[in-house]
C-alpha atoms as a PDB file:
ATOM      1  CA  MET A   1     -32.159  38.515  13.784  1.00  0.00           C
ATOM      2  CA  VAL A   2     -28.409  38.244  13.280  1.00  0.00           C
ATOM      3  CA  ASP A   3     -28.014  36.597  16.683  1.00  0.00           C
ATOM      4  CA  ALA A   4     -30.707  34.061  15.830  1.00  0.00           C
ATOM      5  CA  VAL A   5     -29.019  33.169  12.543  1.00  0.00           C
ATOM      6  CA  GLY A   6     -25.659  32.862  14.257  1.00  0.00           C
ATOM      7  CA  MET A   7     -27.135  30.640  16.963  1.00  0.00           C
ATOM      8  CA  GLY A   8     -28.715  28.436  14.291  1.00  0.00           C
ATOM      9  CA  MET A   9     -25.406  28.061  12.470  1.00  0.00           C
ATOM     10  CA  LEU A  10     -23.694  27.209  15.752  1.00  0.00           C
ATOM     11  CA  LEU A  11     -26.233  24.503  16.558  1.00  0.00           C
ATOM     12  CA  ALA A  12     -25.881  23.077  13.046  1.00  0.00           C
ATOM     13  CA  ALA A  13     -22.116  22.957  13.414  1.00  0.00           C
ATOM     14  CA  GLU A  14     -22.454  21.210  16.779  1.00  0.00           C
ATOM     15  CA  LYS A  15     -24.713  18.581  15.199  1.00  0.00           C
ATOM     16  CA  SER A  16     -22.503  17.928  12.162  1.00  0.00           C
ATOM     17  CA  PRO A  17     -20.703  14.557  11.945  1.00  0.00           C
ATOM     18  CA  GLU A  18     -17.064  14.369  12.987  1.00  0.00           C
ATOM     19  CA  LEU A  19     -15.306  13.408   9.755  1.00  0.00           C
ATOM     20  CA  PRO A  20     -11.825  11.838   9.588  1.00  0.00           C
ATOM     21  CA  THR A  21      -8.832  13.868   8.413  1.00  0.00           C
ATOM     22  CA  VAL A  22      -5.305  13.170   7.244  1.00  0.00           C
ATOM     23  CA  ASN A  23      -4.154  14.052  10.774  1.00  0.00           C
ATOM     24  CA  ASP A  24      -5.607  10.706  11.888  1.00  0.00           C
ATOM     25  CA  PHE A  25      -2.576   9.075  10.253  1.00  0.00           C
ATOM     26  CA  LEU A  26      -0.212  10.955  12.587  1.00  0.00           C
ATOM     27  CA  PRO A  27      -1.391   9.651  15.974  1.00  0.00           C
ATOM     28  CA  PRO A  28       0.450  10.596  19.202  1.00  0.00           C
ATOM     29  CA  GLU A  29       3.114   8.341  20.656  1.00  0.00           C
ATOM     30  CA  ILE A  30       1.791   5.719  23.052  1.00  0.00           C
ATOM     31  CA  LEU A  31       4.983   3.892  24.055  1.00  0.00           C
ATOM     32  CA  PHE A  32       8.546   5.067  24.833  1.00  0.00           C
ATOM     33  CA  GLN A  33       7.636   8.733  24.343  1.00  0.00           C
ATOM     34  CA  GLY A  34      10.592  11.063  23.866  1.00  0.00           C
ATOM     35  CA  THR A  35      13.017   8.285  22.851  1.00  0.00           C
ATOM     36  CA  PRO A  36      14.296   7.118  19.448  1.00  0.00           C
ATOM     37  CA  PHE A  37      12.127   4.010  19.954  1.00  0.00           C
ATOM     38  CA  ALA A  38       8.855   5.896  20.353  1.00  0.00           C
ATOM     39  CA  ILE A  39       5.862   3.940  19.039  1.00  0.00           C
ATOM     40  CA  ASN A  40       2.560   5.366  17.917  1.00  0.00           C
ATOM     41  CA  ARG A  41      -0.557   3.516  16.804  1.00  0.00           C
ATOM     42  CA  ILE A  42       0.422   2.936  13.180  1.00  0.00           C
ATOM     43  CA  ILE A  43       3.903   1.662  14.132  1.00  0.00           C
ATOM     44  CA  LEU A  44       2.281  -0.700  16.639  1.00  0.00           C
ATOM     45  CA  ILE A  45      -0.023  -1.967  13.875  1.00  0.00           C
ATOM     46  CA  ARG A  46       3.014  -2.649  11.685  1.00  0.00           C
ATOM     47  CA  ILE A  47       4.737  -4.574  14.457  1.00  0.00           C
ATOM     48  CA  VAL A  48       1.665  -6.678  15.227  1.00  0.00           C
ATOM     49  CA  ALA A  49       0.965  -7.367  11.527  1.00  0.00           C
ATOM     50  CA  THR A  50       4.593  -8.401  10.937  1.00  0.00           C
ATOM     51  CA  ILE A  51       4.593 -10.756  13.921  1.00  0.00           C
ATOM     52  CA  VAL A  52       1.295 -12.337  12.850  1.00  0.00           C
ATOM     53  CA  LEU A  53       2.534 -12.774   9.264  1.00  0.00           C
ATOM     54  CA  LEU A  54       5.814 -14.372  10.390  1.00  0.00           C
ATOM     55  CA  VAL A  55       4.093 -16.672  12.893  1.00  0.00           C
ATOM     56  CA  VAL A  56       1.449 -17.829  10.404  1.00  0.00           C
ATOM     57  CA  LEU A  57       3.964 -18.499   7.630  1.00  0.00           C
ATOM     58  CA  GLY A  58       6.413 -20.090  10.062  1.00  0.00           C
ATOM     59  CA  ILE A  59       3.826 -22.484  11.475  1.00  0.00           C
ATOM     60  CA  THR A  60       2.618 -23.290   7.958  1.00  0.00           C
ATOM     61  CA  ALA A  61       6.153 -24.111   6.827  1.00  0.00           C
ATOM     62  CA  GLN A  62       6.854 -26.149   9.952  1.00  0.00           C
ATOM     63  CA  ARG A  63       3.710 -28.248   9.517  1.00  0.00           C
ATOM     64  CA  ALA A  64       3.932 -28.540   5.745  1.00  0.00           C
ATOM     65  CA  LYS A  65       3.062 -31.969   4.355  1.00  0.00           C
ATOM     66  CA  LEU A  66       3.555 -33.631   1.005  1.00  0.00           C
ATOM     67  CA  ILE A  67      -0.206 -33.681   0.564  1.00  0.00           C
ATOM     68  CA  PRO A  68      -1.194 -30.174   1.630  1.00  0.00           C
ATOM     69  CA  GLY A  69      -4.160 -29.479   3.854  1.00  0.00           C
ATOM     70  CA  ARG A  70      -6.645 -26.695   3.264  1.00  0.00           C
ATOM     71  CA  TRP A  71      -4.625 -23.900   4.867  1.00  0.00           C
ATOM     72  CA  GLN A  72      -1.311 -25.040   3.401  1.00  0.00           C
ATOM     73  CA  GLY A  73      -3.004 -25.184   0.010  1.00  0.00           C
ATOM     74  CA  VAL A  74      -4.159 -21.582   0.342  1.00  0.00           C
ATOM     75  CA  VAL A  75      -0.658 -20.385   1.276  1.00  0.00           C
ATOM     76  CA  GLU A  76       0.947 -22.358  -1.547  1.00  0.00           C
ATOM     77  CA  MET A  77      -1.640 -20.990  -3.954  1.00  0.00           C
ATOM     78  CA  GLY A  78      -0.617 -17.457  -2.984  1.00  0.00           C
ATOM     79  CA  ILE A  79       3.083 -18.212  -3.422  1.00  0.00           C
ATOM     80  CA  ASP A  80       2.432 -19.907  -6.769  1.00  0.00           C
ATOM     81  CA  PHE A  81       0.417 -16.885  -7.880  1.00  0.00           C
ATOM     82  CA  VAL A  82       3.301 -14.496  -7.174  1.00  0.00           C
ATOM     83  CA  ARG A  83       5.867 -16.821  -8.718  1.00  0.00           C
ATOM     84  CA  ASP A  84       3.972 -17.759 -11.894  1.00  0.00           C
ATOM     85  CA  SER A  85       1.677 -14.784 -12.552  1.00  0.00           C
ATOM     86  CA  VAL A  86       4.065 -12.021 -11.506  1.00  0.00           C
ATOM     87  CA  VAL A  87       7.745 -12.969 -11.526  1.00  0.00           C
ATOM     88  CA  TYR A  88       7.921 -15.676 -14.192  1.00  0.00           C
ATOM     89  CA  GLN A  89       5.409 -13.937 -16.425  1.00  0.00           C
ATOM     90  CA  VAL A  90       7.567 -10.797 -16.539  1.00  0.00           C
ATOM     91  CA  MET A  91      11.105 -12.149 -16.256  1.00  0.00           C
ATOM     92  CA  GLY A  92      10.894 -15.789 -17.224  1.00  0.00           C
ATOM     93  CA  GLU A  93      11.819 -18.721 -15.031  1.00  0.00           C
ATOM     94  CA  VAL A  94      15.596 -18.575 -15.501  1.00  0.00           C
ATOM     95  CA  ARG A  95      15.984 -14.973 -14.383  1.00  0.00           C
ATOM     96  CA  GLY A  96      12.992 -14.943 -12.087  1.00  0.00           C
ATOM     97  CA  LYS A  97      14.075 -17.667  -9.655  1.00  0.00           C
ATOM     98  CA  ARG A  98      16.503 -15.271  -8.005  1.00  0.00           C
ATOM     99  CA  PHE A  99      13.757 -12.719  -7.255  1.00  0.00           C
ATOM    100  CA  VAL A 100      10.839 -14.918  -6.197  1.00  0.00           C
ATOM    101  CA  PRO A 101      11.643 -14.571  -2.453  1.00  0.00           C
ATOM    102  CA  MET A 102      11.953 -10.775  -2.680  1.00  0.00           C
ATOM    103  CA  ILE A 103       8.779 -10.202  -4.714  1.00  0.00           C
ATOM    104  CA  SER A 104       6.832 -12.680  -2.567  1.00  0.00           C
ATOM    105  CA  THR A 105       7.947 -10.835   0.560  1.00  0.00           C
ATOM    106  CA  LEU A 106       6.858  -7.517  -0.927  1.00  0.00           C
ATOM    107  CA  PHE A 107       3.492  -8.863  -2.055  1.00  0.00           C
ATOM    108  CA  PHE A 108       2.477 -10.619   1.164  1.00  0.00           C
ATOM    109  CA  THR A 109       3.776  -7.867   3.452  1.00  0.00           C
ATOM    110  CA  ILE A 110       2.007  -5.102   1.533  1.00  0.00           C
ATOM    111  CA  PHE A 111      -1.180  -7.160   1.263  1.00  0.00           C
ATOM    112  CA  VAL A 112      -1.329  -7.858   5.012  1.00  0.00           C
ATOM    113  CA  PHE A 113      -0.371  -4.270   5.877  1.00  0.00           C
ATOM    114  CA  ASN A 114      -3.118  -2.997   3.575  1.00  0.00           C
ATOM    115  CA  LEU A 115      -5.719  -5.316   5.117  1.00  0.00           C
ATOM    116  CA  CYS A 116      -5.076  -3.778   8.537  1.00  0.00           C
ATOM    117  CA  GLY A 117      -7.240  -0.884   7.381  1.00  0.00           C
ATOM    118  CA  ILE A 118     -10.399  -3.026   7.551  1.00  0.00           C
ATOM    119  CA  ILE A 119      -9.508  -5.271  10.497  1.00  0.00           C
ATOM    120  CA  PRO A 120     -11.513  -4.315  13.618  1.00  0.00           C
ATOM    121  CA  GLY A 121      -9.264  -2.964  16.344  1.00  0.00           C
ATOM    122  CA  MET A 122      -6.669  -1.758  13.875  1.00  0.00           C
ATOM    123  CA  ASN A 123      -8.771   0.218  11.373  1.00  0.00           C
ATOM    124  CA  MET A 124      -5.716   1.769   9.748  1.00  0.00           C
ATOM    125  CA  ALA A 125      -3.605   0.435   6.899  1.00  0.00           C
ATOM    126  CA  ALA A 126       0.016   0.042   7.938  1.00  0.00           C
ATOM    127  CA  THR A 127       0.999   1.442   4.519  1.00  0.00           C
ATOM    128  CA  ALA A 128      -1.077   4.610   4.916  1.00  0.00           C
ATOM    129  CA  THR A 129       1.915   6.821   5.692  1.00  0.00           C
ATOM    130  CA  VAL A 130       4.769   7.548   3.341  1.00  0.00           C
ATOM    131  CA  VAL A 131       7.540   5.885   5.370  1.00  0.00           C
ATOM    132  CA  MET A 132       6.705   2.211   4.847  1.00  0.00           C
ATOM    133  CA  PRO A 133       5.900   2.433   1.098  1.00  0.00           C
ATOM    134  CA  LEU A 134       9.087   4.475   0.674  1.00  0.00           C
ATOM    135  CA  LEU A 135      11.153   1.753   2.348  1.00  0.00           C
ATOM    136  CA  PHE A 136       9.685  -0.848  -0.008  1.00  0.00           C
ATOM    137  CA  ALA A 137      10.375   1.425  -2.998  1.00  0.00           C
ATOM    138  CA  VAL A 138      13.989   2.038  -1.915  1.00  0.00           C
ATOM    139  CA  TRP A 139      14.490  -1.732  -1.630  1.00  0.00           C
ATOM    140  CA  VAL A 140      13.322  -2.082  -5.247  1.00  0.00           C
ATOM    141  CA  LEU A 141      15.531   0.853  -6.292  1.00  0.00           C
ATOM    142  CA  VAL A 142      18.633  -0.721  -4.753  1.00  0.00           C
ATOM    143  CA  GLN A 143      17.787  -4.101  -6.248  1.00  0.00           C
ATOM    144  CA  TYR A 144      17.429  -2.939  -9.859  1.00  0.00           C
ATOM    145  CA  TRP A 145      20.618  -0.855  -9.616  1.00  0.00           C
ATOM    146  CA  VAL A 146      22.521  -3.834  -8.166  1.00  0.00           C
ATOM    147  CA  THR A 147      21.098  -6.088 -10.873  1.00  0.00           C
ATOM    148  CA  ALA A 148      22.095  -3.593 -13.577  1.00  0.00           C
ATOM    149  CA  ALA A 149      25.637  -3.312 -12.205  1.00  0.00           C
ATOM    150  CA  ARG A 150      25.969  -7.095 -12.124  1.00  0.00           C
ATOM    151  CA  GLU A 151      24.398  -7.894 -15.497  1.00  0.00           C
ATOM    152  CA  LYS A 152      25.362  -4.918 -17.703  1.00  0.00           C
ATOM    153  CA  GLY A 153      27.852  -2.848 -15.774  1.00  0.00           C
ATOM    154  CA  LEU A 154      26.774   0.384 -14.131  1.00  0.00           C
ATOM    155  CA  TRP A 155      27.944   2.731 -16.877  1.00  0.00           C
ATOM    156  CA  SER A 156      26.462   0.568 -19.634  1.00  0.00           C
ATOM    157  CA  TYR A 157      23.142   0.573 -17.811  1.00  0.00           C
ATOM    158  CA  ILE A 158      23.110   4.369 -17.396  1.00  0.00           C
ATOM    159  CA  ARG A 159      24.206   4.852 -21.005  1.00  0.00           C
ATOM    160  CA  ASP A 160      21.541   2.550 -22.419  1.00  0.00           C
ATOM    161  CA  GLU A 161      18.809   4.154 -20.327  1.00  0.00           C
ATOM    162  CA  CYS A 162      19.823   7.800 -20.773  1.00  0.00           C
ATOM    163  CA  PHE A 163      21.068   7.611 -24.363  1.00  0.00           C
ATOM    164  CA  PRO A 164      18.818   5.123 -26.191  1.00  0.00           C
ATOM    165  CA  LYS A 165      19.787   4.300 -29.740  1.00  0.00           C
ATOM    166  CA  GLY A 166      18.015   5.888 -32.681  1.00  0.00           C
ATOM    167  CA  VAL A 167      17.401   9.249 -31.015  1.00  0.00           C
ATOM    168  CA  PRO A 168      18.814  12.439 -32.632  1.00  0.00           C
ATOM    169  CA  TRP A 169      21.712  13.876 -30.643  1.00  0.00           C
ATOM    170  CA  PRO A 170      20.065  17.231 -29.812  1.00  0.00           C
ATOM    171  CA  VAL A 171      17.202  15.369 -28.120  1.00  0.00           C
ATOM    172  CA  TYR A 172      19.651  13.826 -25.655  1.00  0.00           C
ATOM    173  CA  ILE A 173      20.035  17.234 -23.981  1.00  0.00           C
ATOM    174  CA  LEU A 174      16.480  16.905 -22.702  1.00  0.00           C
ATOM    175  CA  LEU A 175      16.082  13.139 -22.726  1.00  0.00           C
ATOM    176  CA  ALA A 176      19.165  12.144 -20.694  1.00  0.00           C
ATOM    177  CA  PRO A 177      18.310  14.172 -17.531  1.00  0.00           C
ATOM    178  CA  ILE A 178      14.692  12.993 -17.681  1.00  0.00           C
ATOM    179  CA  GLN A 179      15.714   9.352 -17.998  1.00  0.00           C
ATOM    180  CA  LEU A 180      18.237   9.658 -15.166  1.00  0.00           C
ATOM    181  CA  CYS A 181      15.599  11.330 -13.016  1.00  0.00           C
ATOM    182  CA  GLU A 182      13.258   8.449 -13.770  1.00  0.00           C
ATOM    183  CA  LEU A 183      15.819   5.870 -12.657  1.00  0.00           C
ATOM    184  CA  VAL A 184      16.660   7.652  -9.411  1.00  0.00           C
ATOM    185  CA  LEU A 185      13.445   9.462  -8.397  1.00  0.00           C
ATOM    186  CA  ILE A 186      10.375   8.879 -10.539  1.00  0.00           C
ATOM    187  CA  ARG A 187      10.182   5.086 -10.282  1.00  0.00           C
ATOM    188  CA  PRO A 188      10.489   4.888  -6.474  1.00  0.00           C
ATOM    189  CA  ALA A 189       8.272   7.963  -6.067  1.00  0.00           C
ATOM    190  CA  SER A 190       5.546   6.437  -8.241  1.00  0.00           C
ATOM    191  CA  LEU A 191       5.648   3.186  -6.256  1.00  0.00           C
ATOM    192  CA  THR A 192       5.483   5.101  -2.973  1.00  0.00           C
ATOM    193  CA  ILE A 193       2.755   7.601  -3.830  1.00  0.00           C
ATOM    194  CA  ARG A 194       0.511   5.088  -5.596  1.00  0.00           C
ATOM    195  CA  LEU A 195       0.495   2.777  -2.578  1.00  0.00           C
ATOM    196  CA  PHE A 196       0.055   5.119   0.362  1.00  0.00           C
ATOM    197  CA  ALA A 197      -2.283   7.558  -1.426  1.00  0.00           C
ATOM    198  CA  ASN A 198      -4.690   4.754  -2.335  1.00  0.00           C
ATOM    199  CA  MET A 199      -4.722   3.434   1.224  1.00  0.00           C
ATOM    200  CA  ILE A 200      -5.289   6.907   2.699  1.00  0.00           C
ATOM    201  CA  SER A 201      -8.165   7.682   0.343  1.00  0.00           C
ATOM    202  CA  GLY A 202      -9.814   4.331   0.992  1.00  0.00           C
ATOM    203  CA  HIS A 203      -9.568   4.760   4.761  1.00  0.00           C
ATOM    204  CA  LEU A 204     -11.044   8.257   4.592  1.00  0.00           C
ATOM    205  CA  LEU A 205     -13.971   7.088   2.439  1.00  0.00           C
ATOM    206  CA  VAL A 206     -14.877   4.177   4.711  1.00  0.00           C
ATOM    207  CA  ALA A 207     -14.446   6.236   7.888  1.00  0.00           C
ATOM    208  CA  SER A 208     -16.545   9.069   6.453  1.00  0.00           C
ATOM    209  CA  CYS A 209     -19.403   6.694   5.608  1.00  0.00           C
ATOM    210  CA  LEU A 210     -19.370   5.234   9.127  1.00  0.00           C
ATOM    211  CA  ALA A 211     -19.182   8.720  10.647  1.00  0.00           C
ATOM    212  CA  PHE A 212     -22.284   9.767   8.694  1.00  0.00           C
ATOM    213  CA  ALA A 213     -24.025   6.539   9.747  1.00  0.00           C
ATOM    214  CA  GLN A 214     -23.264   7.196  13.413  1.00  0.00           C
ATOM    215  CA  PHE A 215     -24.419  10.804  13.102  1.00  0.00           C
ATOM    216  CA  TRP A 216     -27.790   9.989  11.519  1.00  0.00           C
ATOM    217  CA  VAL A 217     -28.555   7.030  13.802  1.00  0.00           C
ATOM    218  CA  ILE A 218     -27.271   8.376  17.146  1.00  0.00           C
ATOM    219  CA  ASP A 219     -26.608  12.104  17.020  1.00  0.00           C
ATOM    220  CA  ALA A 220     -29.281  13.457  14.653  1.00  0.00           C
ATOM    221  CA  SER A 221     -32.177  15.264  16.319  1.00  0.00           C
ATOM    222  CA  ASN A 222     -34.813  13.652  14.081  1.00  0.00           C
ATOM    223  CA  LYS A 223     -34.412   9.936  14.865  1.00  0.00           C
ATOM    224  CA  LEU A 224     -37.370   8.847  12.734  1.00  0.00           C
ATOM    225  CA  ALA A 225     -35.806  10.228   9.555  1.00  0.00           C
ATOM    226  CA  GLY A 226     -32.233   9.699  10.683  1.00  0.00           C
ATOM    227  CA  ILE A 227     -32.244   5.924  11.186  1.00  0.00           C
ATOM    228  CA  PRO A 228     -33.074   4.990   7.542  1.00  0.00           C
ATOM    229  CA  VAL A 229     -30.519   7.504   6.254  1.00  0.00           C
ATOM    230  CA  GLY A 230     -27.940   6.197   8.715  1.00  0.00           C
ATOM    231  CA  MET A 231     -28.567   2.597   7.645  1.00  0.00           C
ATOM    232  CA  LEU A 232     -27.990   3.571   4.026  1.00  0.00           C
ATOM    233  CA  TRP A 233     -24.677   5.168   4.966  1.00  0.00           C
ATOM    234  CA  PHE A 234     -23.782   2.056   6.984  1.00  0.00           C
ATOM    235  CA  ILE A 235     -24.528  -0.258   4.047  1.00  0.00           C
ATOM    236  CA  PHE A 236     -22.496   1.984   1.768  1.00  0.00           C
ATOM    237  CA  GLY A 237     -19.636   1.784   4.294  1.00  0.00           C
ATOM    238  CA  LEU A 238     -19.807  -2.026   4.270  1.00  0.00           C
ATOM    239  CA  VAL A 239     -19.691  -2.084   0.473  1.00  0.00           C
ATOM    240  CA  LEU A 240     -16.649   0.202   0.506  1.00  0.00           C
ATOM    241  CA  THR A 241     -15.034  -2.031   3.144  1.00  0.00           C
ATOM    242  CA  LEU A 242     -15.347  -5.020   0.822  1.00  0.00           C
ATOM    243  CA  PHE A 243     -13.981  -2.886  -2.003  1.00  0.00           C
ATOM    244  CA  GLU A 244     -11.048  -1.912   0.234  1.00  0.00           C
ATOM    245  CA  ALA A 245     -10.206  -5.604   0.646  1.00  0.00           C
ATOM    246  CA  PHE A 246      -9.990  -5.858  -3.144  1.00  0.00           C
ATOM    247  CA  VAL A 247      -7.900  -2.659  -3.302  1.00  0.00           C
ATOM    248  CA  ALA A 248      -5.559  -4.107  -0.656  1.00  0.00           C
ATOM    249  CA  PHE A 249      -4.871  -7.060  -2.952  1.00  0.00           C
ATOM    250  CA  LEU A 250      -4.744  -4.925  -6.102  1.00  0.00           C
ATOM    251  CA  GLN A 251      -2.192  -2.477  -4.703  1.00  0.00           C
ATOM    252  CA  ALA A 252       0.030  -5.331  -3.491  1.00  0.00           C
ATOM    253  CA  TYR A 253      -0.192  -6.913  -6.945  1.00  0.00           C
ATOM    254  CA  VAL A 254       0.574  -3.640  -8.767  1.00  0.00           C
ATOM    255  CA  PHE A 255       3.546  -2.907  -6.510  1.00  0.00           C
ATOM    256  CA  ALA A 256       4.904  -6.435  -6.991  1.00  0.00           C
ATOM    257  CA  ILE A 257       4.528  -6.510 -10.763  1.00  0.00           C
ATOM    258  CA  LEU A 258       6.002  -3.003 -11.254  1.00  0.00           C
ATOM    259  CA  SER A 259       8.933  -3.950  -9.050  1.00  0.00           C
ATOM    260  CA  THR A 260       9.490  -7.030 -11.198  1.00  0.00           C
ATOM    261  CA  VAL A 261       9.294  -4.950 -14.380  1.00  0.00           C
ATOM    262  CA  TYR A 262      11.858  -2.431 -13.103  1.00  0.00           C
ATOM    263  CA  ILE A 263      14.266  -5.190 -12.116  1.00  0.00           C
ATOM    264  CA  SER A 264      13.738  -6.973 -15.433  1.00  0.00           C
ATOM    265  CA  MET A 265      14.602  -3.776 -17.326  1.00  0.00           C
ATOM    266  CA  SER A 266      18.029  -3.843 -15.693  1.00  0.00           C
ATOM    267  CA  TYR A 267      18.986  -6.923 -17.682  1.00  0.00           C
ATOM    268  CA  PRO A 268      20.560  -6.546 -21.131  1.00  0.00           C
ATOM    269  CA  GLU A 269      18.145  -6.988 -23.992  1.00  0.00           C
ATOM    270  CA  GLU A 270      18.469 -10.209 -25.927  1.00  0.00           C
END
């Protein structure tokens, strides 16, 4: 009896779908193994996405006309969106002109890297590991510290942030370390974790739905009942794929607007 139950559990385990795990985001090296230039799948996706982005924008700029065509209009619409709805809306035109190239670079790079998660053949967001979002966050960190040093002076910036006016002196004992920690750690950490955690979770959801669809349509023993269930899982996976495209844009927008806010806070208040 015990052997029969154990055999049944073993057969059930063998027939269960193979679900994705976080380990999928740490693929083995495929090029230049054992060297400082080793490349795995996700690094290769980043390289390809960067080249495609640079080529597309370069060709668009080279062929730009006074009366834009359809594609040029789409690209200009994206740039205008970042400039007007992100940078100028937060910082104003006078201050914002300096940071339009930086924020536009962040937005478009993150957006394209995020979209790699739903592009056939890639199927993995280039921002789904901590390294790339952390690099973007460190760039923002350096920029708002440089801006603060230039506009307010470094000590004045730290003083204003860590010792805000109107707070009782005993509170500064707790408030000052927390504020300093926010400037150095919490802001870049929040940018990093928000981006890569959302892309990981989205990838796992979509991949899980497709894994269940494959299991019920191909691997399940009862094909008659499995095909309808598998089709439902497949449709659900398609819906989540479309939602992931929206999340790819949303996360790029959130990262860009928070970066603009942090830089704007480095300026002296008027």
